[in-house]
Amino acid sequence: MKNNCDMARDLMPLTIDGVASEASRNYVNEHLEECEACRAYLAGMKAALDDNSQRAAQEKKSFDQTAARMKHRRFFRKVAILLTALTLAFGALFAGTMLYNQLRMELPSENCQVSLTQLKNGQVVVMVTTSGEKPCVGYGVSEKREQDGSYVMQLIMETYRFGHKLKAEETKPVANILTKVSLDGIDRIEYGGDKAVCWEKGDAITPASAEMEAYYKACDDLDAYERQLAAAHGATHYDMTSDEAKQWAELLLAIREAKAAVPEWIGLDALVGARYTPPMGMG
């Protein structure tokens, strides 16, 4: 009998798992009908398996919950690191802007001379000549609406707030073409840190000389040719053929010759607004 019980009990796990052969299942079932001890043993085995299954399920649930919490912690840790990095970046940008504003200032109007010249097409060439022992290290043009409703163009000429004084031999006036604009809608033009007014709506503007007209015409010719080349090549960066490069160089030479002939600029260290660099392939 004991041998029969041992054999039946050895086959029980296979029977429970459903992998026992039909003969083995029949043997176990027939034995269980006759043996109460083995029936109790099988019931205990099933209970133990159920308990293990429940324990495994609970452990898996606990593991999943722990993994989820760790995932959330990692996510929030990454968010915190990102927010910290952004805060530091914005802080550095703000500090840099504040430092920049502290280190730079606008030149006073007494160190700036503004001249306006009007082309036949209505556009106005704005030229500023700076002088004095403070070097002009930055130029800009901005527009803003004042509280009284007037629209103002501001000419900005920056210098260093501290130090950086020019030597006596370096203080010659320097002229810069700031912009070529239409003054439609502009009520006045201000310049310098003290916001001096150099033009108000209705003020007369000196007409450009024929030579200045010729200079801007030469600039327009080169602009038109470069647009033509870009359209022909189907790209903004391209290699020019020898004929194209020759014509491009001739147009650039015409600009340089026209610039040298402008009487308003003769004798000045003028930096004209349109400065050309060779397209791809010119070297």
Protein backbone atom coordinates (compact mmCIF):
# COMPACT_ATOMS: atom_id res chain seq x y z
CA MET A 1 0.00 0.00 0.00
CA LYS A 2 2.83 2.36 0.95
CA ASN A 3 4.43 1.88 -2.43
CA ASN A 4 1.14 2.73 -4.08
CA CYS A 5 0.85 5.93 -1.98
CA ASP A 6 4.40 6.97 -2.80
CA MET A 7 3.80 6.46 -6.52
CA ALA A 8 0.47 8.37 -6.41
CA ARG A 9 2.01 11.25 -4.48
CA ASP A 10 4.90 11.46 -6.95
CA LEU A 11 2.40 11.78 -9.78
CA MET A 12 0.16 14.34 -8.03
CA PRO A 13 2.21 17.48 -9.02
CA LEU A 14 2.13 16.36 -12.66
CA THR A 15 -1.60 15.74 -12.39
CA ILE A 16 -2.22 19.17 -10.85
CA ASP A 17 -0.14 20.85 -13.56
CA GLY A 18 -2.03 18.94 -16.26
CA VAL A 19 1.08 17.37 -17.79
CA ALA A 20 0.57 13.77 -16.54
CA SER A 21 -0.34 11.07 -19.03
CA GLU A 22 -3.86 9.70 -19.10
CA ALA A 23 -2.69 6.43 -17.48
CA SER A 24 -1.02 8.36 -14.67
CA ARG A 25 -4.12 10.48 -14.07
CA ASN A 26 -6.31 7.36 -13.95
CA TYR A 27 -3.92 5.71 -11.52
CA VAL A 28 -3.95 8.72 -9.19
CA ASN A 29 -7.75 9.09 -9.33
CA GLU A 30 -8.31 5.37 -8.64
CA HIS A 31 -5.87 5.48 -5.74
CA LEU A 32 -7.52 8.56 -4.24
CA GLU A 33 -10.89 6.79 -4.22
CA GLU A 34 -9.40 4.14 -1.93
CA CYS A 35 -6.89 6.20 0.15
CA GLU A 36 -8.11 8.91 2.52
CA ALA A 37 -4.55 9.78 3.55
CA CYS A 38 -3.59 10.59 -0.04
CA ARG A 39 -6.76 12.61 -0.49
CA ALA A 40 -5.71 14.72 2.51
CA TYR A 41 -2.18 14.92 1.15
CA LEU A 42 -3.47 16.17 -2.24
CA ALA A 43 -5.73 18.74 -0.55
CA GLY A 44 -2.74 20.00 1.46
CA MET A 45 -0.61 20.15 -1.71
CA LYS A 46 -3.26 22.19 -3.54
CA ALA A 47 -3.65 24.53 -0.56
CA ALA A 48 0.10 25.02 -0.42
CA LEU A 49 0.21 25.71 -4.15
CA ASP A 50 -2.68 28.19 -3.86
CA ASP A 51 -0.90 29.91 -0.98
CA ASN A 52 2.33 30.08 -2.99
CA SER A 53 0.43 31.47 -5.96
CA GLN A 54 -1.21 34.13 -3.80
CA ARG A 55 2.14 34.97 -2.22
CA ALA A 56 3.75 35.24 -5.67
CA ALA A 57 0.92 37.42 -6.91
CA GLN A 58 1.26 39.66 -3.85
CA GLU A 59 5.02 39.85 -4.30
CA LYS A 60 4.56 40.74 -7.97
CA LYS A 61 2.02 43.41 -7.07
CA SER A 62 4.38 44.81 -4.44
CA PHE A 63 7.26 44.73 -6.93
CA ASP A 64 5.17 46.50 -9.58
CA GLN A 65 4.15 49.18 -7.07
CA THR A 66 7.76 49.69 -6.01
CA ALA A 67 8.89 49.85 -9.64
CA ALA A 68 6.16 52.40 -10.39
CA ARG A 69 7.21 54.54 -7.43
CA MET A 70 10.85 54.36 -8.53
CA LYS A 71 9.83 55.29 -12.08
CA HIS A 72 7.88 58.28 -10.80
CA ARG A 73 10.80 59.29 -8.61
CA ARG A 74 13.19 59.07 -11.55
CA PHE A 75 10.77 61.15 -13.66
CA PHE A 76 10.39 63.82 -10.99
CA ARG A 77 14.14 63.77 -10.41
CA LYS A 78 14.70 64.43 -14.13
CA VAL A 79 12.10 67.20 -14.07
CA ALA A 80 13.78 68.73 -11.03
CA ILE A 81 17.19 68.57 -12.73
CA LEU A 82 15.75 70.12 -15.89
CA LEU A 83 14.02 72.90 -13.93
CA THR A 84 17.22 73.55 -12.01
CA ALA A 85 19.21 73.74 -15.25
CA LEU A 86 16.65 76.11 -16.81
CA THR A 87 16.65 78.26 -13.70
CA LEU A 88 20.44 78.46 -13.76
CA ALA A 89 20.42 79.22 -17.50
CA PHE A 90 17.84 82.00 -17.13
CA GLY A 91 19.69 83.30 -14.12
CA ALA A 92 22.94 83.40 -16.07
CA LEU A 93 21.18 85.09 -18.99
CA PHE A 94 19.61 87.66 -16.69
CA ALA A 95 22.91 88.27 -14.92
CA GLY A 96 24.69 88.55 -18.29
CA THR A 97 22.09 91.05 -19.52
CA MET A 98 22.40 93.08 -16.35
CA LEU A 99 26.19 93.01 -16.60
CA TYR A 100 26.00 93.98 -20.27
CA ASN A 101 23.73 96.90 -19.43
CA GLN A 102 26.06 97.95 -16.65
CA LEU A 103 29.15 97.75 -18.85
CA ARG A 104 27.65 99.58 -21.85
CA MET A 105 25.94 102.92 -22.24
CA GLU A 106 24.70 105.09 -25.09
CA LEU A 107 26.99 107.82 -26.34
CA PRO A 108 25.69 111.30 -25.51
CA SER A 109 24.32 113.26 -28.44
CA GLU A 110 27.21 115.75 -28.20
CA ASN A 111 29.51 112.96 -29.45
CA CYS A 112 27.22 112.08 -32.37
CA GLN A 113 26.38 113.94 -35.56
CA VAL A 114 23.43 112.65 -37.59
CA SER A 115 22.91 113.41 -41.26
CA LEU A 116 19.89 112.41 -43.34
CA THR A 117 19.93 112.11 -47.12
CA GLN A 118 16.87 111.25 -49.19
CA LEU A 119 16.98 109.16 -52.35
CA LYS A 120 14.61 109.70 -55.25
CA ASN A 121 12.64 106.59 -54.28
CA GLY A 122 11.79 108.21 -50.95
CA GLN A 123 14.12 106.12 -48.80
CA VAL A 124 16.35 107.97 -46.35
CA VAL A 125 20.00 107.16 -45.73
CA VAL A 126 20.84 107.69 -42.04
CA MET A 127 24.52 108.32 -41.30
CA VAL A 128 25.97 108.91 -37.85
CA THR A 129 29.45 110.31 -37.24
CA THR A 130 30.83 109.65 -33.76
CA SER A 131 33.75 111.40 -32.13
CA GLY A 132 35.42 111.86 -28.77
CA GLU A 133 37.57 109.74 -26.50
CA LYS A 134 34.88 107.10 -25.94
CA PRO A 135 34.84 104.54 -28.80
CA CYS A 136 31.53 103.61 -30.39
CA VAL A 137 31.38 99.81 -30.07
CA GLY A 138 27.82 99.10 -31.17
CA TYR A 139 25.16 100.53 -33.46
CA GLY A 140 21.48 99.88 -33.71
CA VAL A 141 18.13 101.21 -34.85
CA SER A 142 14.85 100.64 -33.05
CA GLU A 143 11.32 101.97 -33.25
CA LYS A 144 8.77 102.42 -30.50
CA ARG A 145 5.38 103.97 -29.78
CA GLU A 146 5.49 106.69 -27.14
CA GLN A 147 2.74 107.27 -24.56
CA ASP A 148 1.59 110.34 -26.46
CA GLY A 149 0.94 108.16 -29.51
CA SER A 150 3.92 109.36 -31.52
CA TYR A 151 6.07 106.80 -33.34
CA VAL A 152 9.80 107.31 -32.74
CA MET A 153 12.87 105.91 -34.47
CA GLN A 154 15.82 105.66 -32.11
CA LEU A 155 19.43 105.63 -33.30
CA ILE A 156 21.56 103.74 -30.77
CA MET A 157 25.32 104.24 -30.50
CA GLU A 158 26.87 102.34 -27.60
CA THR A 159 30.17 102.72 -25.80
CA TYR A 160 31.80 101.18 -22.75
CA ARG A 161 30.67 102.66 -19.45
CA PHE A 162 34.05 102.23 -17.79
CA GLY A 163 37.55 102.78 -19.17
CA HIS A 164 38.39 102.05 -22.82
CA LYS A 165 39.33 105.62 -23.69
CA LEU A 166 40.87 106.29 -27.07
CA LYS A 167 44.28 107.81 -27.47
CA ALA A 168 44.46 111.32 -28.89
CA GLU A 169 45.57 110.06 -32.30
CA GLU A 170 42.63 107.61 -32.40
CA THR A 171 39.84 110.12 -31.76
CA LYS A 172 39.17 111.07 -35.39
CA PRO A 173 35.47 111.05 -36.36
CA VAL A 174 34.10 107.73 -37.63
CA ALA A 175 31.05 107.72 -39.89
CA ASN A 176 28.65 104.78 -40.14
CA ILE A 177 25.69 104.23 -42.41
CA LEU A 178 23.13 102.88 -39.92
CA THR A 179 20.22 102.23 -42.19
CA LYS A 180 18.35 103.03 -45.40
CA VAL A 181 14.69 103.35 -44.48
CA SER A 182 11.35 104.87 -45.28
CA LEU A 183 10.18 107.45 -42.76
CA ASP A 184 6.51 106.85 -43.53
CA GLY A 185 4.70 106.73 -40.20
CA ILE A 186 7.72 108.04 -38.27
CA ASP A 187 7.05 111.20 -36.23
CA ARG A 188 10.62 111.94 -35.16
CA ILE A 189 14.13 110.52 -34.94
CA GLU A 190 16.03 110.54 -31.64
CA TYR A 191 19.67 109.74 -30.98
CA GLY A 192 22.16 109.59 -28.12
CA GLY A 193 21.67 108.68 -24.50
CA ASP A 194 19.92 112.00 -23.87
CA LYS A 195 17.40 111.32 -26.68
CA ALA A 196 18.16 114.42 -28.72
CA VAL A 197 15.88 114.99 -31.72
CA CYS A 198 17.52 115.25 -35.14
CA TRP A 199 14.39 115.16 -37.30
CA GLU A 200 10.65 115.68 -36.92
CA LYS A 201 7.87 115.03 -39.40
CA GLY A 202 7.71 117.92 -41.84
CA ASP A 203 11.42 118.77 -41.63
CA ALA A 204 13.20 119.04 -44.98
CA ILE A 205 15.78 116.36 -45.85
CA THR A 206 18.76 116.98 -48.10
CA PRO A 207 18.37 115.22 -51.48
CA ALA A 208 21.03 112.64 -52.29
CA SER A 209 23.70 113.50 -54.79
CA ALA A 210 23.71 111.82 -58.20
CA GLU A 211 26.76 109.84 -57.06
CA MET A 212 24.94 108.46 -54.01
CA GLU A 213 21.98 107.53 -56.22
CA ALA A 214 24.45 105.73 -58.50
CA TYR A 215 25.94 103.86 -55.53
CA TYR A 216 22.59 102.49 -54.33
CA LYS A 217 21.63 101.70 -57.92
CA ALA A 218 24.82 99.61 -58.18
CA CYS A 219 23.89 97.86 -54.89
CA ASP A 220 20.43 97.09 -56.26
CA ASP A 221 21.95 95.72 -59.47
CA LEU A 222 24.13 93.29 -57.51
CA ASP A 223 21.19 92.26 -55.30
CA ALA A 224 19.09 91.57 -58.41
CA TYR A 225 21.89 89.55 -60.01
CA GLU A 226 22.37 87.42 -56.88
CA ARG A 227 18.63 86.70 -56.75
CA GLN A 228 18.81 85.77 -60.44
CA LEU A 229 21.68 83.36 -59.75
CA ALA A 230 19.88 81.80 -56.79
CA ALA A 231 16.79 81.23 -58.93
CA ALA A 232 18.84 79.77 -61.78
CA HIS A 233 20.73 77.37 -59.48
CA GLY A 234 17.70 76.59 -57.35
CA ALA A 235 19.62 77.22 -54.12
CA THR A 236 21.03 80.01 -51.98
CA HIS A 237 24.46 78.34 -51.88
CA TYR A 238 25.94 77.36 -55.20
CA ASP A 239 29.08 77.26 -57.32
CA MET A 240 29.17 79.98 -59.94
CA THR A 241 30.41 79.38 -63.46
CA SER A 242 33.39 81.41 -64.62
CA ASP A 243 31.11 83.75 -66.61
CA GLU A 244 28.81 84.24 -63.61
CA ALA A 245 31.76 84.91 -61.31
CA LYS A 246 33.17 87.44 -63.79
CA GLN A 247 29.88 89.34 -63.97
CA TRP A 248 29.48 89.20 -60.19
CA ALA A 249 32.98 90.65 -59.73
CA GLU A 250 32.26 93.43 -62.23
CA LEU A 251 29.11 94.41 -60.34
CA LEU A 252 30.99 94.41 -57.03
CA LEU A 253 33.73 96.58 -58.55
CA ALA A 254 31.05 98.99 -59.77
CA ILE A 255 29.78 99.29 -56.17
CA ARG A 256 33.24 100.05 -54.83
CA GLU A 257 33.91 102.65 -57.51
CA ALA A 258 30.51 104.27 -56.96
CA LYS A 259 31.06 104.39 -53.21
CA ALA A 260 34.41 106.13 -53.63
CA ALA A 261 32.76 108.81 -55.78
CA VAL A 262 29.98 109.76 -53.30
CA PRO A 263 30.81 113.33 -52.21
CA GLU A 264 28.90 112.97 -48.91
CA TRP A 265 31.31 110.21 -47.89
CA ILE A 266 34.64 111.43 -49.22
CA GLY A 267 37.16 111.79 -46.43
CA LEU A 268 35.09 109.75 -43.98
CA ASP A 269 35.75 106.27 -42.58
CA ALA A 270 32.27 105.19 -43.71
CA LEU A 271 30.92 101.69 -43.16
CA VAL A 272 28.15 101.47 -45.73
CA GLY A 273 25.20 99.29 -44.70
CA ALA A 274 25.38 96.77 -47.58
CA ARG A 275 28.64 94.81 -47.33
CA TYR A 276 29.02 91.87 -49.72
CA THR A 277 30.78 88.55 -49.25
CA PRO A 278 31.42 86.10 -52.12
CA PRO A 279 28.78 83.37 -52.62
CA MET A 280 29.83 79.70 -52.65
CA GLY A 281 32.53 78.99 -55.17
CA MET A 282 34.16 82.42 -55.15
CA GLY A 283 36.65 81.61 -52.36
